[in-house]
Amino acid sequence: MNGQNRSDIQIGDEVAIVLKQDQRTGKLTEGVVQNILTKSAFHPHGIKVRLESGAVGRVKKIK
């Protein structure tokens, strides 16, 4: 799953996100979802989440 559908992501899921400052390089940050920030059901660049570490970014991979 690529993280574009909100219904695929649950709080507590392990995911890989791309942070705003890493969008050019595509560097991924891994962690556990604390909050889902995107309200719409679909986003072409990935659903925005906050990880338990406090990092905010768009989901690229769901583990």
Protein backbone atom coordinates (compact mmCIF):
# COMPACT_ATOMS: atom_id res chain seq x y z
CA MET A 1 0.00 0.00 0.00
CA ASN A 2 1.28 3.40 -0.93
CA GLY A 3 -0.38 5.65 1.67
CA GLN A 4 -2.67 7.61 -0.66
CA ASN A 5 -5.93 6.26 0.84
CA ARG A 6 -6.84 7.41 4.34
CA SER A 7 -8.78 4.17 4.95
CA ASP A 8 -5.52 2.15 4.63
CA ILE A 9 -3.88 3.97 7.56
CA GLN A 10 -4.72 3.36 11.22
CA ILE A 11 -3.33 4.93 14.39
CA GLY A 12 -0.58 2.60 15.63
CA ASP A 13 0.49 1.46 12.14
CA GLU A 14 4.19 1.35 11.28
CA VAL A 15 4.80 3.57 8.26
CA ALA A 16 7.55 5.30 6.29
CA ILE A 17 6.97 9.01 5.66
CA VAL A 18 8.77 11.72 3.72
CA LEU A 19 9.32 14.91 5.73
CA LYS A 20 8.77 18.33 4.11
CA GLN A 21 12.52 19.06 4.08
CA ASP A 22 13.26 15.64 2.54
CA GLN A 23 10.80 15.89 -0.37
CA ARG A 24 13.55 16.71 -2.90
CA THR A 25 15.74 13.76 -1.87
CA GLY A 26 12.91 11.33 -1.07
CA LYS A 27 14.57 10.25 2.21
CA LEU A 28 12.11 8.22 4.28
CA THR A 29 11.57 8.40 8.04
CA GLU A 30 10.02 5.38 9.77
CA GLY A 31 7.78 5.38 12.81
CA VAL A 32 4.38 4.68 14.34
CA VAL A 33 1.31 6.79 13.47
CA GLN A 34 0.07 8.96 16.36
CA ASN A 35 -2.41 11.19 14.43
CA ILE A 36 -3.84 11.28 10.91
CA LEU A 37 -3.79 14.93 9.79
CA THR A 38 -5.32 14.73 6.28
CA LYS A 39 -9.12 14.91 6.43
CA SER A 40 -9.88 13.86 2.83
CA ALA A 41 -10.21 10.18 1.88
CA PHE A 42 -7.47 10.38 -0.80
CA HIS A 43 -4.38 12.50 -1.45
CA PRO A 44 -2.15 11.96 -4.51
CA HIS A 45 1.08 12.72 -2.59
CA GLY A 46 0.17 10.60 0.45
CA ILE A 47 -1.87 11.08 3.60
CA LYS A 48 -0.22 13.46 6.09
CA VAL A 49 0.40 11.96 9.55
CA ARG A 50 2.19 12.76 12.80
CA LEU A 51 4.42 10.01 14.16
CA GLU A 52 4.89 9.21 17.86
CA SER A 53 8.31 10.89 17.54
CA GLY A 54 6.55 14.16 16.60
CA ALA A 55 7.69 14.06 12.96
CA VAL A 56 5.05 15.17 10.41
CA GLY A 57 5.05 14.03 6.80
CA ARG A 58 3.25 12.19 4.03
CA VAL A 59 2.96 8.41 4.07
CA LYS A 60 4.91 6.68 1.29
CA LYS A 61 4.85 3.09 2.61
CA ILE A 62 2.73 1.15 5.07
CA LYS A 63 4.59 -1.74 6.73
